[in-house]
Amino acid sequence: MKTRELLTEWLELHQKENIKARTYSRYQGLITMHIVPTLGEKNISELGRREIQEFLTQQKKDGNMRNGEKLSATSTNMMLSILNLAFEYACDMEYVEENPCARVRRTKTETKKIEAFTIEEQRAIETEIARLNDKRLHGILLCLYTGLRIGELLGLTWNDVDLDRGVIKITKTVYREKDKNGAWQLCIDTPKTTASDRVIPLPKYITDMLCRDYENAKTPYIVENKKGERMSIRSYQYIFEKLTERARVRKLNFHALRHTFATRAIECGMDIKTIADIMGHQNASITLNRYAHCMLDHKIEMMQKLQRVL
């Protein structure tokens, strides 16, 4: 059996019905564009640990399909996971006796720099939102005060909001994916992880804002375009970029709103477990590790308030 045959059988017969559509698409893309061109014609019984390690090393070095440069550690590690799972399946089916991916080293991932808006920048953004009086921008305020991901925000409908209790339910997310013809389309799926399926309490001023928006709502979508349709991810990112230009703040990506929420929450003394639950992290250690630098600043500030006893 060729490696490409194993990967097709594993993905279509063993995985497709058990994974999210976007995960399937991601697997399929990596298999088609990266794994098969190099390893596809090799017989699975002849593929060893060394060949797989060399393949991953080469991919990390120049596997980027857009520019022929380095491929991210996330992508190379996902390819290793695909090969590992496929060969585990091959072992179960008795196609091979052992998994050649065993003990193959994963690529060390680089720690991503967490960037958040300062209080002054956030104040400038909110001031500009108030000045422009554009209801579409209210989604940005919602992200600043709940830590929503952009896909979660654009997936929200008024059925997800309990204005009496002042809470929102996160049960779906929007993402972009190419269709069979290669054209980008907007897809809706369940949230990123089980922990991402959550209920978020809202500050009263955000609830009041949504109440006013609901009174004038003409469609089911909390964030809609001028045609009354669900806003696309690219369009909303563009609106956010233009807003930051008008507010004259740093050009950070949309995800910085999520980091800004976490930073402000830590600064106001919110406990890590509560922040983790609101943000949809699987456990509090993810939150703790990701925002340790923010906590250090907060600890330094708190320590300066400690009065000497003597």
Protein backbone atom coordinates (compact mmCIF):
# COMPACT_ATOMS: atom_id res chain seq x y z
CA MET A 1 0.00 0.00 0.00
CA LYS A 2 1.24 3.46 -0.93
CA THR A 3 1.32 6.23 1.67
CA ARG A 4 -1.20 8.28 -0.34
CA GLU A 5 -3.60 5.31 -0.33
CA LEU A 6 -3.27 4.92 3.44
CA LEU A 7 -3.87 8.63 4.03
CA THR A 8 -6.97 8.62 1.80
CA GLU A 9 -8.42 5.55 3.50
CA TRP A 10 -7.67 6.87 6.99
CA LEU A 11 -9.08 10.35 6.31
CA GLU A 12 -12.20 9.36 4.35
CA LEU A 13 -13.21 6.17 6.16
CA HIS A 14 -11.86 6.61 9.66
CA GLN A 15 -11.76 10.34 10.37
CA LYS A 16 -14.25 12.27 8.23
CA GLU A 17 -17.34 11.47 10.30
CA ASN A 18 -15.60 12.13 13.63
CA ILE A 19 -13.96 15.51 13.12
CA LYS A 20 -15.12 19.06 12.42
CA ALA A 21 -15.50 20.11 8.78
CA ARG A 22 -12.74 22.71 9.13
CA THR A 23 -10.39 20.13 10.71
CA TYR A 24 -11.10 17.77 7.82
CA SER A 25 -10.37 20.58 5.36
CA ARG A 26 -7.12 21.41 7.16
CA TYR A 27 -6.01 17.76 7.13
CA GLN A 28 -6.94 17.36 3.48
CA GLY A 29 -5.01 20.48 2.51
CA LEU A 30 -1.82 19.41 4.29
CA ILE A 31 -2.04 15.89 2.86
CA THR A 32 -2.66 17.09 -0.71
CA MET A 33 -0.24 20.02 -0.78
CA HIS A 34 2.62 18.78 1.39
CA ILE A 35 2.65 15.11 2.37
CA VAL A 36 1.59 13.34 -0.83
CA PRO A 37 3.97 15.18 -3.22
CA THR A 38 6.95 13.96 -1.17
CA LEU A 39 5.89 10.74 0.57
CA GLY A 40 2.78 9.71 -1.36
CA GLU A 41 4.38 7.11 -3.64
CA LYS A 42 6.45 5.46 -0.91
CA ASN A 43 5.29 2.06 0.29
CA ILE A 44 4.09 2.26 3.90
CA SER A 45 6.08 -0.83 4.87
CA GLU A 46 9.27 0.85 3.67
CA LEU A 47 8.69 4.27 5.22
CA GLY A 48 10.90 4.69 8.28
CA ARG A 49 11.44 7.13 11.09
CA ARG A 50 14.39 8.75 9.36
CA GLU A 51 12.43 9.55 6.17
CA ILE A 52 9.62 11.13 8.17
CA GLN A 53 12.04 13.19 10.26
CA GLU A 54 13.84 14.38 7.13
CA PHE A 55 10.52 15.24 5.48
CA LEU A 56 9.41 17.36 8.46
CA THR A 57 12.79 19.08 8.68
CA GLN A 58 12.64 19.98 4.99
CA GLN A 59 9.09 21.24 5.31
CA LYS A 60 10.03 23.44 8.22
CA LYS A 61 12.94 24.84 6.19
CA ASP A 62 11.19 25.72 2.91
CA GLY A 63 7.70 24.24 2.90
CA ASN A 64 5.73 27.49 2.72
CA MET A 65 3.71 27.20 -0.50
CA ARG A 66 3.36 30.96 -0.90
CA ASN A 67 7.01 31.99 -0.82
CA GLY A 68 9.11 28.82 -0.52
CA GLU A 69 10.38 29.88 2.89
CA LYS A 70 9.94 28.46 6.40
CA LEU A 71 6.72 26.67 7.28
CA SER A 72 5.26 27.30 10.72
CA ALA A 73 5.90 24.89 13.55
CA THR A 74 2.12 24.52 13.91
CA SER A 75 1.80 23.20 10.35
CA THR A 76 4.77 20.81 10.56
CA ASN A 77 3.53 19.45 13.89
CA MET A 78 0.06 18.95 12.44
CA MET A 79 1.58 16.97 9.56
CA LEU A 80 3.36 14.78 12.09
CA SER A 81 0.06 14.28 13.92
CA ILE A 82 -1.65 13.29 10.65
CA LEU A 83 1.07 10.76 9.80
CA ASN A 84 1.10 9.42 13.34
CA LEU A 85 -2.67 8.90 13.43
CA ALA A 86 -2.68 7.38 9.94
CA PHE A 87 0.03 4.88 10.87
CA GLU A 88 -1.70 4.05 14.15
CA TYR A 89 -4.70 3.18 11.99
CA ALA A 90 -2.42 1.12 9.72
CA CYS A 91 -1.16 -0.81 12.76
CA ASP A 92 -4.73 -1.46 13.91
CA MET A 93 -5.62 -2.71 10.43
CA GLU A 94 -2.43 -4.84 10.44
CA TYR A 95 -1.10 -3.12 7.33
CA VAL A 96 2.21 -2.55 9.16
CA GLU A 97 3.71 -3.94 12.35
CA GLU A 98 4.88 -0.68 13.90
CA ASN A 99 4.33 3.06 13.63
CA PRO A 100 7.37 4.79 12.07
CA CYS A 101 6.29 8.11 13.63
CA ALA A 102 7.01 6.84 17.13
CA ARG A 103 9.67 9.02 18.81
CA VAL A 104 9.83 11.46 15.88
CA ARG A 105 10.47 14.85 17.42
CA ARG A 106 7.89 17.59 17.19
CA THR A 107 9.03 21.04 16.11
CA LYS A 108 9.47 23.43 18.99
CA THR A 109 6.89 26.19 18.71
CA GLU A 110 7.87 29.80 19.22
CA THR A 111 6.14 31.67 22.02
CA LYS A 112 3.76 34.16 20.45
CA LYS A 113 3.99 37.72 21.65
CA ILE A 114 0.76 38.79 23.31
CA GLU A 115 -0.17 42.30 22.21
CA ALA A 116 -2.99 44.27 23.80
CA PHE A 117 -4.15 47.85 23.57
CA THR A 118 -3.20 50.13 26.44
CA ILE A 119 -5.91 51.83 28.47
CA GLU A 120 -5.24 55.07 26.57
CA GLU A 121 -5.54 53.28 23.22
CA GLN A 122 -8.72 51.52 24.31
CA ARG A 123 -10.16 54.86 25.40
CA ALA A 124 -9.33 56.33 21.99
CA ILE A 125 -10.99 53.38 20.21
CA GLU A 126 -14.15 53.64 22.30
CA THR A 127 -14.28 57.42 21.82
CA GLU A 128 -14.09 56.97 18.05
CA ILE A 129 -16.83 54.32 18.12
CA ALA A 130 -19.09 56.72 20.01
CA ARG A 131 -18.28 59.55 17.57
CA LEU A 132 -18.97 57.50 14.44
CA ASN A 133 -22.30 56.18 15.74
CA ASP A 134 -22.09 53.07 13.53
CA LYS A 135 -23.93 50.09 15.02
CA ARG A 136 -21.58 47.67 13.24
CA LEU A 137 -18.78 48.88 15.54
CA HIS A 138 -20.66 47.73 18.63
CA GLY A 139 -19.28 44.25 17.96
CA ILE A 140 -15.82 45.64 18.69
CA LEU A 141 -17.02 46.91 22.07
CA LEU A 142 -18.54 43.51 22.72
CA CYS A 143 -15.15 41.88 22.08
CA LEU A 144 -13.35 44.39 24.29
CA TYR A 145 -15.60 43.52 27.23
CA THR A 146 -16.07 39.76 26.74
CA GLY A 147 -12.92 38.48 24.99
CA LEU A 148 -14.87 36.96 22.07
CA ARG A 149 -13.01 35.64 19.04
CA ILE A 150 -14.03 37.24 15.75
CA GLY A 151 -15.68 34.03 14.51
CA GLU A 152 -17.70 33.76 17.72
CA LEU A 153 -18.80 37.40 17.44
CA LEU A 154 -19.97 37.07 13.84
CA GLY A 155 -21.74 33.82 14.66
CA LEU A 156 -23.96 35.54 17.25
CA THR A 157 -27.68 36.00 16.63
CA TRP A 158 -30.24 37.63 18.88
CA ASN A 159 -31.38 34.15 19.96
CA ASP A 160 -27.99 33.79 21.66
CA VAL A 161 -28.62 36.81 23.90
CA ASP A 162 -30.67 36.87 27.11
CA LEU A 163 -31.11 40.60 27.64
CA ASP A 164 -33.12 40.10 30.84
CA ARG A 165 -30.32 38.16 32.51
CA GLY A 166 -27.54 40.03 30.71
CA VAL A 167 -25.74 37.00 29.26
CA ILE A 168 -24.75 35.67 25.84
CA LYS A 169 -24.42 32.03 24.80
CA ILE A 170 -21.51 31.02 22.57
CA THR A 171 -22.63 27.93 20.65
CA LYS A 172 -21.21 28.50 17.16
CA THR A 173 -18.43 30.18 15.24
CA VAL A 174 -17.96 31.50 11.71
CA TYR A 175 -14.88 30.76 9.61
CA ARG A 176 -13.66 31.04 6.03
CA GLU A 177 -13.06 28.01 3.84
CA LYS A 178 -12.59 27.34 0.14
CA ASP A 179 -15.33 25.45 -1.69
CA LYS A 180 -14.76 22.77 -4.32
CA ASN A 181 -14.11 25.46 -6.93
CA GLY A 182 -11.50 27.21 -4.81
CA ALA A 183 -13.72 30.19 -3.94
CA TRP A 184 -13.83 31.42 -0.34
CA GLN A 185 -17.09 30.84 1.50
CA LEU A 186 -18.43 31.61 4.97
CA CYS A 187 -19.04 28.49 7.10
CA ILE A 188 -20.67 28.00 10.51
CA ASP A 189 -19.62 25.32 12.98
CA THR A 190 -19.57 24.58 16.68
CA PRO A 191 -16.96 26.52 18.73
CA LYS A 192 -13.22 25.79 18.69
CA THR A 193 -13.29 23.43 21.71
CA THR A 194 -15.85 22.09 24.19
CA ALA A 195 -14.72 24.78 26.65
CA SER A 196 -15.47 27.42 24.00
CA ASP A 197 -19.16 26.48 24.23
CA ARG A 198 -20.00 28.79 27.12
CA VAL A 199 -22.24 31.43 28.70
CA ILE A 200 -20.73 34.89 29.26
CA PRO A 201 -22.20 37.44 31.69
CA LEU A 202 -22.20 40.97 30.31
CA PRO A 203 -21.33 44.25 32.04
CA LYS A 204 -24.50 46.35 32.43
CA TYR A 205 -23.34 49.02 29.97
CA ILE A 206 -22.86 46.36 27.27
CA THR A 207 -26.30 44.89 28.02
CA ASP A 208 -27.82 48.38 27.74
CA MET A 209 -26.08 48.88 24.39
CA LEU A 210 -27.45 45.57 23.08
CA CYS A 211 -30.94 46.41 24.32
CA ARG A 212 -30.89 49.59 22.24
CA ASP A 213 -29.56 47.70 19.22
CA TYR A 214 -32.21 44.99 19.60
CA GLU A 215 -35.01 47.56 19.51
CA ASN A 216 -33.84 48.61 16.03
CA ALA A 217 -32.78 45.16 14.80
CA LYS A 218 -34.20 44.08 11.43
CA THR A 219 -32.27 40.81 11.02
CA PRO A 220 -31.26 37.91 13.33
CA TYR A 221 -27.59 38.97 13.34
CA ILE A 222 -26.02 41.02 16.12
CA VAL A 223 -23.35 42.22 13.68
CA GLU A 224 -24.68 42.76 10.18
CA ASN A 225 -23.52 44.54 7.04
CA LYS A 226 -25.39 47.40 5.38
CA LYS A 227 -27.44 44.89 3.39
CA GLY A 228 -28.68 43.23 6.57
CA GLU A 229 -26.56 40.11 6.00
CA ARG A 230 -24.14 38.34 8.29
CA MET A 231 -20.83 40.23 8.22
CA SER A 232 -17.90 38.37 6.65
CA ILE A 233 -14.65 37.96 8.58
CA ARG A 234 -12.56 39.89 6.06
CA SER A 235 -15.03 42.76 5.93
CA TYR A 236 -15.15 43.10 9.69
CA GLN A 237 -11.37 42.94 9.99
CA TYR A 238 -11.20 45.76 7.44
CA ILE A 239 -13.71 47.85 9.43
CA PHE A 240 -11.63 47.29 12.58
CA GLU A 241 -8.42 48.29 10.77
CA LYS A 242 -10.01 51.53 9.55
CA LEU A 243 -11.30 52.24 13.06
CA THR A 244 -7.82 51.95 14.58
CA GLU A 245 -6.49 54.29 11.90
CA ARG A 246 -9.13 56.89 12.76
CA ALA A 247 -8.46 56.44 16.47
CA ARG A 248 -4.71 56.86 15.80
CA VAL A 249 -3.66 53.82 17.80
CA ARG A 250 -1.22 51.02 17.00
CA LYS A 251 -2.12 48.73 14.10
CA LEU A 252 -2.77 45.45 15.91
CA ASN A 253 -4.77 42.51 14.59
CA PHE A 254 -8.38 41.86 15.62
CA HIS A 255 -7.33 39.20 18.14
CA ALA A 256 -5.68 41.98 20.17
CA LEU A 257 -9.19 42.86 21.37
CA ARG A 258 -9.36 39.47 23.08
CA HIS A 259 -5.95 40.03 24.70
CA THR A 260 -7.05 43.51 25.75
CA PHE A 261 -10.07 42.08 27.56
CA ALA A 262 -7.87 39.60 29.44
CA THR A 263 -5.37 42.32 30.33
CA ARG A 264 -8.07 44.69 31.68
CA ALA A 265 -9.68 41.80 33.59
CA ILE A 266 -6.38 40.97 35.31
CA GLU A 267 -5.76 44.64 36.05
CA CYS A 268 -9.12 44.97 37.77
CA GLY A 269 -8.38 41.94 39.96
CA MET A 270 -10.54 39.27 38.28
CA ASP A 271 -9.38 35.77 39.23
CA ILE A 272 -7.73 33.56 36.60
CA LYS A 273 -10.37 30.78 36.76
CA THR A 274 -13.15 33.26 35.96
CA ILE A 275 -11.15 34.79 33.09
CA ALA A 276 -10.42 31.31 31.70
CA ASP A 277 -14.12 30.35 31.78
CA ILE A 278 -15.20 33.59 30.10
CA MET A 279 -12.56 33.27 27.37
CA GLY A 280 -13.29 29.59 26.75
CA HIS A 281 -9.88 28.22 27.68
CA GLN A 282 -9.84 24.52 28.46
CA ASN A 283 -8.09 25.11 31.76
CA ALA A 284 -6.84 28.05 33.81
CA SER A 285 -3.18 27.15 33.21
CA ILE A 286 -3.55 28.24 29.56
CA THR A 287 -4.72 31.65 30.74
CA LEU A 288 -2.05 31.82 33.41
CA ASN A 289 0.79 30.99 31.00
CA ARG A 290 -0.47 33.26 28.24
CA TYR A 291 -0.97 36.34 30.38
CA ALA A 292 1.79 35.86 32.97
CA HIS A 293 3.46 39.11 31.86
CA CYS A 294 0.25 41.02 32.57
CA MET A 295 0.01 39.43 35.99
CA LEU A 296 3.59 40.42 36.78
CA ASP A 297 2.79 44.06 36.05
CA HIS A 298 -0.29 43.78 38.23
CA LYS A 299 1.69 42.15 41.05
CA ILE A 300 4.32 44.89 40.92
CA GLU A 301 1.58 47.51 41.20
CA MET A 302 -0.07 45.70 44.10
CA MET A 303 3.23 45.25 45.94
CA GLN A 304 3.88 49.00 45.83
CA LYS A 305 0.65 49.48 47.77
CA LEU A 306 1.88 47.24 50.60
CA GLN A 307 2.45 49.45 53.63
CA ARG A 308 5.43 48.94 55.91
CA VAL A 309 4.40 47.76 59.37
CA LEU A 310 7.21 49.46 61.27
